[in-house]
Each structure stands twice: as C-alpha cells, then as structure tokens.
C-alpha atoms as a PDB file:
ATOM      1  CA  UNK A   1      45.753  22.900   3.798  1.00  0.00           C
ATOM      2  CA  UNK A   2      43.439  25.300   5.922  1.00  0.00           C
ATOM      3  CA  UNK A   3      40.329  26.183   4.242  1.00  0.00           C
ATOM      4  CA  UNK A   4      37.852  28.792   4.606  1.00  0.00           C
ATOM      5  CA  UNK A   5      34.216  27.249   4.904  1.00  0.00           C
ATOM      6  CA  UNK A   6      31.537  29.358   3.120  1.00  0.00           C
ATOM      7  CA  UNK A   7      28.710  28.450   5.432  1.00  0.00           C
ATOM      8  CA  UNK A   8      27.334  31.778   6.078  1.00  0.00           C
ATOM      9  CA  UNK A   9      28.283  34.749   8.227  1.00  0.00           C
ATOM     10  CA  UNK A  10      29.064  38.317   6.768  1.00  0.00           C
ATOM     11  CA  UNK A  11      33.064  38.057   6.666  1.00  0.00           C
ATOM     12  CA  UNK A  12      32.700  34.818   4.180  1.00  0.00           C
ATOM     13  CA  UNK A  13      30.102  36.233   2.353  1.00  0.00           C
ATOM     14  CA  UNK A  14      32.212  39.116   1.756  1.00  0.00           C
ATOM     15  CA  UNK A  15      35.081  37.182   0.691  1.00  0.00           C
ATOM     16  CA  UNK A  16      33.098  35.442  -1.902  1.00  0.00           C
ATOM     17  CA  UNK A  17      31.889  38.478  -3.235  1.00  0.00           C
ATOM     18  CA  UNK A  18      35.429  39.870  -3.562  1.00  0.00           C
ATOM     19  CA  UNK A  19      36.764  36.875  -4.825  1.00  0.00           C
ATOM     20  CA  UNK A  20      34.124  35.575  -7.151  1.00  0.00           C
ATOM     21  CA  UNK A  21      32.724  39.118  -8.132  1.00  0.00           C
ATOM     22  CA  UNK A  22      35.888  40.124  -9.760  1.00  0.00           C
ATOM     23  CA  UNK A  23      35.813  36.785 -11.831  1.00  0.00           C
ATOM     24  CA  UNK A  24      32.748  37.797 -13.519  1.00  0.00           C
ATOM     25  CA  UNK A  25      30.297  35.423 -11.335  1.00  0.00           C
ATOM     26  CA  UNK A  26      26.551  37.057 -12.153  1.00  0.00           C
ATOM     27  CA  UNK A  27      24.466  37.285  -9.020  1.00  0.00           C
ATOM     28  CA  UNK A  28      21.416  36.304 -10.982  1.00  0.00           C
ATOM     29  CA  UNK A  29      23.041  33.135 -12.286  1.00  0.00           C
ATOM     30  CA  UNK A  30      20.733  30.432 -12.226  1.00  0.00           C
ATOM     31  CA  UNK A  31      23.335  27.849 -11.407  1.00  0.00           C
ATOM     32  CA  UNK A  32      23.986  29.596  -8.032  1.00  0.00           C
ATOM     33  CA  UNK A  33      20.493  28.912  -6.633  1.00  0.00           C
ATOM     34  CA  UNK A  34      19.995  26.500  -3.863  1.00  0.00           C
ATOM     35  CA  UNK A  35      18.391  23.766  -6.064  1.00  0.00           C
ATOM     36  CA  UNK A  36      21.605  23.489  -8.123  1.00  0.00           C
ATOM     37  CA  UNK A  37      24.340  24.263  -5.442  1.00  0.00           C
ATOM     38  CA  UNK A  38      23.921  22.499  -2.409  1.00  0.00           C
ATOM     39  CA  UNK A  39      26.777  24.778  -0.510  1.00  0.00           C
ATOM     40  CA  UNK A  40      28.709  27.783  -1.334  1.00  0.00           C
ATOM     41  CA  UNK A  41      32.040  27.796  -2.776  1.00  0.00           C
ATOM     42  CA  UNK A  42      35.055  26.933  -0.487  1.00  0.00           C
ATOM     43  CA  UNK A  43      38.002  29.164  -1.072  1.00  0.00           C
ATOM     44  CA  UNK A  44      41.751  28.647  -0.199  1.00  0.00           C
ATOM     45  CA  UNK A  45      43.299  31.253   1.823  1.00  0.00           C
ATOM     46  CA  UNK A  46      45.564  32.704  -0.756  1.00  0.00           C
ATOM     47  CA  UNK A  47      42.478  32.929  -3.070  1.00  0.00           C
ATOM     48  CA  UNK A  48      44.175  30.350  -6.009  1.00  0.00           C
ATOM     49  CA  UNK A  49      41.936  27.464  -5.230  1.00  0.00           C
ATOM     50  CA  UNK A  50      38.110  27.325  -5.132  1.00  0.00           C
ATOM     51  CA  UNK A  51      36.007  24.310  -4.488  1.00  0.00           C
ATOM     52  CA  UNK A  52      32.543  24.286  -6.092  1.00  0.00           C
ATOM     53  CA  UNK A  53      29.723  21.780  -5.519  1.00  0.00           C
ATOM     54  CA  UNK A  54      26.571  20.867  -7.841  1.00  0.00           C
ATOM     55  CA  UNK A  55      24.037  18.236  -7.932  1.00  0.00           C
ATOM     56  CA  UNK A  56      24.320  16.101 -10.800  1.00  0.00           C
ATOM     57  CA  UNK A  57      22.098  13.385 -12.113  1.00  0.00           C
ATOM     58  CA  UNK A  58      23.629  10.229 -12.825  1.00  0.00           C
ATOM     59  CA  UNK A  59      22.990   7.396 -15.518  1.00  0.00           C
ATOM     60  CA  UNK A  60      20.729   5.390 -12.862  1.00  0.00           C
ATOM     61  CA  UNK A  61      18.730   8.785 -12.439  1.00  0.00           C
ATOM     62  CA  UNK A  62      20.263   9.154  -8.762  1.00  0.00           C
ATOM     63  CA  UNK A  63      20.996  12.669  -8.085  1.00  0.00           C
ATOM     64  CA  UNK A  64      24.416  13.250  -5.783  1.00  0.00           C
ATOM     65  CA  UNK A  65      26.624  15.920  -4.753  1.00  0.00           C
ATOM     66  CA  UNK A  66      29.579  16.532  -6.978  1.00  0.00           C
ATOM     67  CA  UNK A  67      32.507  18.661  -6.603  1.00  0.00           C
ATOM     68  CA  UNK A  68      34.929  20.277  -8.875  1.00  0.00           C
ATOM     69  CA  UNK A  69      38.331  22.068  -8.271  1.00  0.00           C
ATOM     70  CA  UNK A  70      39.610  25.331 -10.084  1.00  0.00           C
ATOM     71  CA  UNK A  71      43.028  26.257  -9.495  1.00  0.00           C
ATOM     72  CA  UNK A  72      44.012  29.957 -10.839  1.00  0.00           C
ATOM     73  CA  UNK A  73      47.212  31.397 -12.000  1.00  0.00           C
ATOM     74  CA  UNK A  74      48.982  33.343  -9.240  1.00  0.00           C
ATOM     75  CA  UNK A  75      48.357  36.658 -11.676  1.00  0.00           C
ATOM     76  CA  UNK A  76      44.607  35.905 -12.204  1.00  0.00           C
ATOM     77  CA  UNK A  77      43.525  38.866  -9.837  1.00  0.00           C
ATOM     78  CA  UNK A  78      46.012  41.284 -11.547  1.00  0.00           C
ATOM     79  CA  UNK A  79      44.167  42.256 -14.517  1.00  0.00           C
ATOM     80  CA  UNK A  80      40.912  41.549 -15.928  1.00  0.00           C
ATOM     81  CA  UNK A  81      42.902  39.430 -18.695  1.00  0.00           C
ATOM     82  CA  UNK A  82      41.290  36.259 -20.211  1.00  0.00           C
ATOM     83  CA  UNK A  83      43.219  33.134 -19.296  1.00  0.00           C
ATOM     84  CA  UNK A  84      43.519  29.759 -21.046  1.00  0.00           C
ATOM     85  CA  UNK A  85      41.744  26.883 -19.671  1.00  0.00           C
ATOM     86  CA  UNK A  86      42.385  22.828 -19.108  1.00  0.00           C
ATOM     87  CA  UNK A  87      39.705  20.688 -17.947  1.00  0.00           C
ATOM     88  CA  UNK A  88      41.461  17.782 -16.211  1.00  0.00           C
ATOM     89  CA  UNK A  89      39.719  14.284 -15.702  1.00  0.00           C
ATOM     90  CA  UNK A  90      41.217  12.097 -13.197  1.00  0.00           C
ATOM     91  CA  UNK A  91      41.439   8.345 -13.112  1.00  0.00           C
ATOM     92  CA  UNK A  92      39.019   5.875 -11.300  1.00  0.00           C
ATOM     93  CA  UNK A  93      41.240   6.014  -8.236  1.00  0.00           C
ATOM     94  CA  UNK A  94      40.191   9.644  -7.506  1.00  0.00           C
ATOM     95  CA  UNK A  95      36.297   9.174  -7.861  1.00  0.00           C
ATOM     96  CA  UNK A  96      34.274   9.627  -5.004  1.00  0.00           C
ATOM     97  CA  UNK A  97      33.200  12.639  -2.811  1.00  0.00           C
ATOM     98  CA  UNK A  98      36.783  13.942  -1.579  1.00  0.00           C
ATOM     99  CA  UNK A  99      38.258  16.824  -3.740  1.00  0.00           C
ATOM    100  CA  UNK A 100      41.480  16.390  -1.630  1.00  0.00           C
ATOM    101  CA  UNK A 101      41.887  13.267  -4.102  1.00  0.00           C
ATOM    102  CA  UNK A 102      41.634  14.976  -7.024  1.00  0.00           C
ATOM    103  CA  UNK A 103      43.959  17.804  -6.002  1.00  0.00           C
ATOM    104  CA  UNK A 104      46.584  15.319  -4.960  1.00  0.00           C
ATOM    105  CA  UNK A 105      47.058  13.827  -8.504  1.00  0.00           C
ATOM    106  CA  UNK A 106      47.829  14.370 -11.986  1.00  0.00           C
ATOM    107  CA  UNK A 107      47.362  17.918 -13.450  1.00  0.00           C
ATOM    108  CA  UNK A 108      46.155  19.437  -9.976  1.00  0.00           C
ATOM    109  CA  UNK A 109      49.198  18.264  -8.446  1.00  0.00           C
ATOM    110  CA  UNK A 110      51.346  19.788 -10.657  1.00  0.00           C
ATOM    111  CA  UNK A 111      49.427  23.028 -10.395  1.00  0.00           C
ATOM    112  CA  UNK A 112      50.176  23.348  -7.109  1.00  0.00           C
ATOM    113  CA  UNK A 113      53.815  22.651  -7.486  1.00  0.00           C
ATOM    114  CA  UNK A 114      54.522  25.370 -10.042  1.00  0.00           C
ATOM    115  CA  UNK A 115      52.452  28.269 -11.061  1.00  0.00           C
ATOM    116  CA  UNK A 116      50.704  27.240 -14.504  1.00  0.00           C
ATOM    117  CA  UNK A 117      49.613  29.864 -16.827  1.00  0.00           C
ATOM    118  CA  UNK A 118      46.111  28.378 -16.994  1.00  0.00           C
ATOM    119  CA  UNK A 119      42.850  28.147 -15.154  1.00  0.00           C
ATOM    120  CA  UNK A 120      42.542  24.514 -14.440  1.00  0.00           C
ATOM    121  CA  UNK A 121      39.288  22.875 -13.793  1.00  0.00           C
ATOM    122  CA  UNK A 122      39.127  19.300 -12.339  1.00  0.00           C
ATOM    123  CA  UNK A 123      35.760  17.622 -11.704  1.00  0.00           C
ATOM    124  CA  UNK A 124      35.465  14.770  -9.357  1.00  0.00           C
ATOM    125  CA  UNK A 125      33.479  11.729 -10.808  1.00  0.00           C
ATOM    126  CA  UNK A 126      30.856  10.748  -8.392  1.00  0.00           C
ATOM    127  CA  UNK A 127      31.499   7.008  -6.760  1.00  0.00           C
ATOM    128  CA  UNK A 128      29.764   4.136  -8.671  1.00  0.00           C
ATOM    129  CA  UNK A 129      29.977   6.587 -11.834  1.00  0.00           C
ATOM    130  CA  UNK A 130      32.534   6.689 -14.663  1.00  0.00           C
ATOM    131  CA  UNK A 131      33.792   9.548 -17.323  1.00  0.00           C
ATOM    132  CA  UNK A 132      33.045   6.942 -19.928  1.00  0.00           C
ATOM    133  CA  UNK A 133      29.164   6.405 -19.123  1.00  0.00           C
ATOM    134  CA  UNK A 134      26.871   7.701 -21.608  1.00  0.00           C
ATOM    135  CA  UNK A 135      25.590  11.284 -20.972  1.00  0.00           C
ATOM    136  CA  UNK A 136      29.118  12.191 -19.355  1.00  0.00           C
ATOM    137  CA  UNK A 137      29.874  14.445 -22.380  1.00  0.00           C
ATOM    138  CA  UNK A 138      26.842  16.370 -22.125  1.00  0.00           C
ATOM    139  CA  UNK A 139      27.354  16.574 -18.290  1.00  0.00           C
ATOM    140  CA  UNK A 140      31.137  17.796 -18.786  1.00  0.00           C
ATOM    141  CA  UNK A 141      30.270  20.156 -21.719  1.00  0.00           C
ATOM    142  CA  UNK A 142      27.628  21.871 -19.556  1.00  0.00           C
ATOM    143  CA  UNK A 143      30.158  21.904 -16.573  1.00  0.00           C
ATOM    144  CA  UNK A 144      32.634  23.666 -18.863  1.00  0.00           C
ATOM    145  CA  UNK A 145      29.906  26.178 -20.168  1.00  0.00           C
ATOM    146  CA  UNK A 146      29.367  27.082 -16.707  1.00  0.00           C
ATOM    147  CA  UNK A 147      32.957  27.781 -15.624  1.00  0.00           C
ATOM    148  CA  UNK A 148      33.479  29.743 -18.645  1.00  0.00           C
ATOM    149  CA  UNK A 149      30.568  32.048 -17.459  1.00  0.00           C
ATOM    150  CA  UNK A 150      32.100  32.107 -13.758  1.00  0.00           C
ATOM    151  CA  UNK A 151      35.715  33.167 -14.807  1.00  0.00           C
ATOM    152  CA  UNK A 152      37.592  34.978 -17.368  1.00  0.00           C
ATOM    153  CA  UNK A 153      38.395  32.507 -20.062  1.00  0.00           C
ATOM    154  CA  UNK A 154      40.248  32.670 -23.500  1.00  0.00           C
ATOM    155  CA  UNK A 155      37.644  30.781 -25.537  1.00  0.00           C
ATOM    156  CA  UNK A 156      40.056  30.037 -28.500  1.00  0.00           C
ATOM    157  CA  UNK A 157      42.256  28.263 -25.877  1.00  0.00           C
ATOM    158  CA  UNK A 158      40.207  25.482 -24.259  1.00  0.00           C
ATOM    159  CA  UNK A 159      42.310  22.403 -23.752  1.00  0.00           C
ATOM    160  CA  UNK A 160      41.378  18.821 -22.554  1.00  0.00           C
ATOM    161  CA  UNK A 161      43.636  16.285 -20.914  1.00  0.00           C
ATOM    162  CA  UNK A 162      43.326  13.283 -18.613  1.00  0.00           C
ATOM    163  CA  UNK A 163      44.742   9.951 -17.310  1.00  0.00           C
ATOM    164  CA  UNK A 164      43.456   6.221 -17.121  1.00  0.00           C
ATOM    165  CA  UNK A 165      39.950   6.561 -16.772  1.00  0.00           C
ATOM    166  CA  UNK A 166      40.241  10.125 -17.739  1.00  0.00           C
ATOM    167  CA  UNK A 167      42.339   9.191 -20.883  1.00  0.00           C
ATOM    168  CA  UNK A 168      39.631   7.098 -22.060  1.00  0.00           C
ATOM    169  CA  UNK A 169      36.871  10.200 -21.541  1.00  0.00           C
ATOM    170  CA  UNK A 170      39.281  12.679 -23.042  1.00  0.00           C
ATOM    171  CA  UNK A 171      39.045  10.531 -26.431  1.00  0.00           C
ATOM    172  CA  UNK A 172      35.250  10.266 -26.351  1.00  0.00           C
ATOM    173  CA  UNK A 173      34.518  13.809 -25.360  1.00  0.00           C
ATOM    174  CA  UNK A 174      36.827  15.145 -28.224  1.00  0.00           C
ATOM    175  CA  UNK A 175      35.036  13.077 -30.809  1.00  0.00           C
ATOM    176  CA  UNK A 176      31.778  13.861 -29.298  1.00  0.00           C
ATOM    177  CA  UNK A 177      32.711  17.845 -29.715  1.00  0.00           C
ATOM    178  CA  UNK A 178      35.499  17.718 -32.292  1.00  0.00           C
ATOM    179  CA  UNK A 179      35.283  21.606 -32.277  1.00  0.00           C
ATOM    180  CA  UNK A 180      35.341  22.251 -28.501  1.00  0.00           C
ATOM    181  CA  UNK A 181      38.867  22.126 -27.562  1.00  0.00           C
ATOM    182  CA  UNK A 182      42.049  23.638 -29.163  1.00  0.00           C
ATOM    183  CA  UNK A 183      44.044  20.508 -28.275  1.00  0.00           C
ATOM    184  CA  UNK A 184      43.767  17.584 -26.025  1.00  0.00           C
ATOM    185  CA  UNK A 185      46.478  15.136 -24.073  1.00  0.00           C
ATOM    186  CA  UNK A 186      45.303  11.901 -23.549  1.00  0.00           C
ATOM    187  CA  UNK A 187      47.490  10.042 -21.336  1.00  0.00           C
ATOM    188  CA  UNK A 188      47.370   5.930 -20.900  1.00  0.00           C
ATOM    189  CA  UNK A 189      43.665   5.863 -22.207  1.00  0.00           C
ATOM    190  CA  UNK A 190      42.230   4.300 -25.085  1.00  0.00           C
ATOM    191  CA  UNK A 191      39.946   5.673 -27.977  1.00  0.00           C
ATOM    192  CA  UNK A 192      37.986   4.370 -30.796  1.00  0.00           C
ATOM    193  CA  UNK A 193      39.977   4.009 -34.039  1.00  0.00           C
ATOM    194  CA  UNK A 194      36.742   4.339 -35.879  1.00  0.00           C
ATOM    195  CA  UNK A 195      36.557   8.009 -34.819  1.00  0.00           C
ATOM    196  CA  UNK A 196      40.163   9.039 -35.829  1.00  0.00           C
ATOM    197  CA  UNK A 197      38.693  10.939 -38.851  1.00  0.00           C
ATOM    198  CA  UNK A 198      36.453  12.951 -36.609  1.00  0.00           C
ATOM    199  CA  UNK A 199      39.347  14.617 -34.773  1.00  0.00           C
ATOM    200  CA  UNK A 200      42.069  14.575 -37.420  1.00  0.00           C
ATOM    201  CA  UNK A 201      42.424  18.103 -37.517  1.00  0.00           C
ATOM    202  CA  UNK A 202      42.739  18.243 -33.748  1.00  0.00           C
ATOM    203  CA  UNK A 203      46.160  19.119 -32.178  1.00  0.00           C
ATOM    204  CA  UNK A 204      46.707  15.928 -30.191  1.00  0.00           C
ATOM    205  CA  UNK A 205      49.487  14.783 -27.917  1.00  0.00           C
ATOM    206  CA  UNK A 206      49.309  11.401 -26.674  1.00  0.00           C
ATOM    207  CA  UNK A 207      51.350  10.042 -23.599  1.00  0.00           C
ATOM    208  CA  UNK A 208      51.637   6.113 -22.532  1.00  0.00           C
ATOM    209  CA  UNK A 209      54.023   3.994 -20.563  1.00  0.00           C
ATOM    210  CA  UNK A 210      55.248   0.903 -22.519  1.00  0.00           C
ATOM    211  CA  UNK A 211      55.273  -1.279 -19.218  1.00  0.00           C
ATOM    212  CA  UNK A 212      51.569  -0.439 -18.397  1.00  0.00           C
ATOM    213  CA  UNK A 213      49.908  -3.387 -16.966  1.00  0.00           C
ATOM    214  CA  UNK A 214      46.691  -1.432 -16.432  1.00  0.00           C
ATOM    215  CA  UNK A 215      45.909  -0.417 -19.875  1.00  0.00           C
ATOM    216  CA  UNK A 216      47.769  -1.585 -22.612  1.00  0.00           C
ATOM    217  CA  UNK A 217      50.309   0.517 -24.549  1.00  0.00           C
ATOM    218  CA  UNK A 218      48.623  -1.239 -27.622  1.00  0.00           C
ATOM    219  CA  UNK A 219      45.576   0.855 -27.213  1.00  0.00           C
ATOM    220  CA  UNK A 220      47.695   4.366 -27.787  1.00  0.00           C
ATOM    221  CA  UNK A 221      49.661   2.964 -30.301  1.00  0.00           C
ATOM    222  CA  UNK A 222      46.390   1.950 -32.237  1.00  0.00           C
ATOM    223  CA  UNK A 223      45.147   5.128 -32.063  1.00  0.00           C
ATOM    224  CA  UNK A 224      47.840   7.090 -32.942  1.00  0.00           C
ATOM    225  CA  UNK A 225      48.327   4.691 -36.217  1.00  0.00           C
ATOM    226  CA  UNK A 226      44.681   5.410 -36.847  1.00  0.00           C
ATOM    227  CA  UNK A 227      45.089   9.075 -36.694  1.00  0.00           C
ATOM    228  CA  UNK A 228      48.122   9.370 -38.662  1.00  0.00           C
ATOM    229  CA  UNK A 229      46.693   7.063 -41.396  1.00  0.00           C
ATOM    230  CA  UNK A 230      44.044   9.975 -41.899  1.00  0.00           C
ATOM    231  CA  UNK A 231      46.495  12.686 -41.889  1.00  0.00           C
ATOM    232  CA  UNK A 232      46.653  13.792 -38.415  1.00  0.00           C
ATOM    233  CA  UNK A 233      50.029  15.336 -37.240  1.00  0.00           C
ATOM    234  CA  UNK A 234      49.404  13.782 -33.695  1.00  0.00           C
ATOM    235  CA  UNK A 235      52.317  13.775 -31.163  1.00  0.00           C
ATOM    236  CA  UNK A 236      53.189  10.720 -29.291  1.00  0.00           C
ATOM    237  CA  UNK A 237      55.468  10.144 -26.417  1.00  0.00           C
ATOM    238  CA  UNK A 238      56.332   6.608 -25.118  1.00  0.00           C
ATOM    239  CA  UNK A 239      58.132   6.298 -21.955  1.00  0.00           C
ATOM    240  CA  UNK A 240      60.229   2.884 -22.499  1.00  0.00           C
ATOM    241  CA  UNK A 241      60.448   2.148 -18.745  1.00  0.00           C
ATOM    242  CA  UNK A 242      56.924   3.634 -17.987  1.00  0.00           C
ATOM    243  CA  UNK A 243      54.317   2.053 -15.899  1.00  0.00           C
ATOM    244  CA  UNK A 244      50.664   3.020 -15.609  1.00  0.00           C
ATOM    245  CA  UNK A 245      51.601   6.209 -13.807  1.00  0.00           C
ATOM    246  CA  UNK A 246      53.193   8.203 -16.712  1.00  0.00           C
ATOM    247  CA  UNK A 247      50.920  11.038 -15.847  1.00  0.00           C
ATOM    248  CA  UNK A 248      53.346  12.551 -13.307  1.00  0.00           C
ATOM    249  CA  UNK A 249      56.293  12.622 -15.649  1.00  0.00           C
ATOM    250  CA  UNK A 250      53.830  13.914 -18.626  1.00  0.00           C
ATOM    251  CA  UNK A 251      52.999  16.798 -16.600  1.00  0.00           C
ATOM    252  CA  UNK A 252      56.241  17.843 -15.694  1.00  0.00           C
ATOM    253  CA  UNK A 253      57.142  18.188 -19.252  1.00  0.00           C
ATOM    254  CA  UNK A 254      57.544  22.192 -19.838  1.00  0.00           C
ATOM    255  CA  UNK A 255      56.959  21.526 -23.715  1.00  0.00           C
ATOM    256  CA  UNK A 256      53.734  20.362 -23.205  1.00  0.00           C
ATOM    257  CA  UNK A 257      52.450  23.440 -21.498  1.00  0.00           C
ATOM    258  CA  UNK A 258      54.334  25.673 -24.338  1.00  0.00           C
ATOM    259  CA  UNK A 259      52.946  23.276 -26.950  1.00  0.00           C
ATOM    260  CA  UNK A 260      49.459  23.853 -25.669  1.00  0.00           C
ATOM    261  CA  UNK A 261      49.843  27.714 -25.520  1.00  0.00           C
ATOM    262  CA  UNK A 262      50.599  27.353 -29.201  1.00  0.00           C
ATOM    263  CA  UNK A 263      47.232  25.918 -30.005  1.00  0.00           C
ATOM    264  CA  UNK A 264      44.291  28.087 -30.555  1.00  0.00           C
ATOM    265  CA  UNK A 265      40.603  27.519 -32.068  1.00  0.00           C
ATOM    266  CA  UNK A 266      39.832  29.523 -35.235  1.00  0.00           C
ATOM    267  CA  UNK A 267      37.586  32.421 -34.888  1.00  0.00           C
ATOM    268  CA  UNK A 268      35.094  30.786 -36.731  1.00  0.00           C
ATOM    269  CA  UNK A 269      35.012  27.913 -34.299  1.00  0.00           C
ATOM    270  CA  UNK A 270      34.500  30.022 -31.043  1.00  0.00           C
ATOM    271  CA  UNK A 271      30.830  30.858 -30.162  1.00  0.00           C
ATOM    272  CA  UNK A 272      28.909  31.979 -27.514  1.00  0.00           C
ATOM    273  CA  UNK A 273      28.458  29.804 -24.272  1.00  0.00           C
END
C-alpha cells in the first residue's frame, strides 16, 4: 500500500488538517507536542488508515518510539456521528517497530477485508516488551483516552479484544479496569481465575482452539468455568480442530460484531476522559 508520509510541506500539512481536524483533534492538544510525538501521523490515500507514533517509557525505563494503527469505517467522514471503538492487542509475533505486521494479522486484517462499523485501534508492543508486563494497563488506558479525544467515539461502546499475548492482556486489562469496557473478547489467552468475580458483570466472549499447542485450551476452559461459577453469562466458542491461530476464524464470525454492538456501558459508568 502506498503511503503519504507526513514529514512537512504544505500539501501534507493541509491534508492532516482536513482529515484529522474533522475528527476532533485539537491544535493545543499537549499530546501533539514534539516531546511526545516523534513524527506526524501517516495517512493512507483513502484516509481510512492513520498511523500514529508516540514515545513511551518501558518497564526498564528506556524510552522508545511506539506506533499504533487506527482504522476508520468508510462512512466515518460522512457525518459527525460517534462510532463504537475496538481496542485490539496483537500477539508476540507482531511486536516491534513495523506497523505493517500489526495490520496484517487479527482484527486489523479483517477490517481491511470488510468494512466494519467500528473505529479500530491497534497499538504495537515494542520489541523486548510484553502486554502483560507491569504498568501496561496504565499505558493502554492512557492511549485509549488519547484516541477518544482525537476521534469521535461512542463512550458507551468501547470494546477490548486480543489474541495470544494480547489475549492474556485482555484479561489483565479488564480486571484492572472492569468498568472501562462494554465487552471483551479474549482469544487463546489465559486469565487469573481469582479475578473472575471482578468481571462477572462484564459481557465476555471467549475463543480458543482445542488443538492449541502454544497456549493450552485448558486456560480458557478454567477461566470460563470460574466465571460461570460466579454467575457470569460468559459466551465460549471452542474450535475442535483449531490450533493456536483461531483468531482468523473468530474475527470472521459475523455474529461476533453483531453481539458487540448490542453491548453498552450504562450511563453511570461513562465518565469524562
């Protein structure tokens, strides 16, 4: 895919103003200052994909550049409507500093194949880091808040999903912020059964492959059992012939996105961000 690189120049600057300005980006947003963003966003020719870059501090205190991909629904620019958002967390194989790897797998891949009625946000975990490391929930929460300031987002319909390493993180993030999301979709991950009570009211749909040799299906079975024991109406899909990569099949399930759109946070849990 050809990309328009925002490295200066009136044409690029004008395009950024038109495309990002309509999405609610404030000129005085401190997150747009040079000390927080090492370079301007990169926008695809059709305006549907935006690649943002920021500086983040890792657990070892090193500061690195980290990117995140935003995929917009085709009708995003046609009105001022607010859209549901899905935060997608990739697996360990997509870590690094190349957003093409993030775009080619999981939910971003599916959003490139079909037009999904969501704003999809897919951050990239830096190399030598892990979504499950201490402090990641705070970093992802800050990223989510920043995206919600930049784009028109329906705050009652914020969803979280991830696969493999990202599936682990979905459980961790949801347990740390049980009122942040309207629903979560962990795929081939592992959660702490001791935290099931914390998220028993949260709509959850779990996916796993019975033949998964990377992360045993027992991890999801135990988590689902723990949730049902505390009264959760958790949904569970297990693919009898599925290995580790069941996310491709899961994200091609039309009922999944229909189910997500039915889930909303109550007004009492939607606060300013």
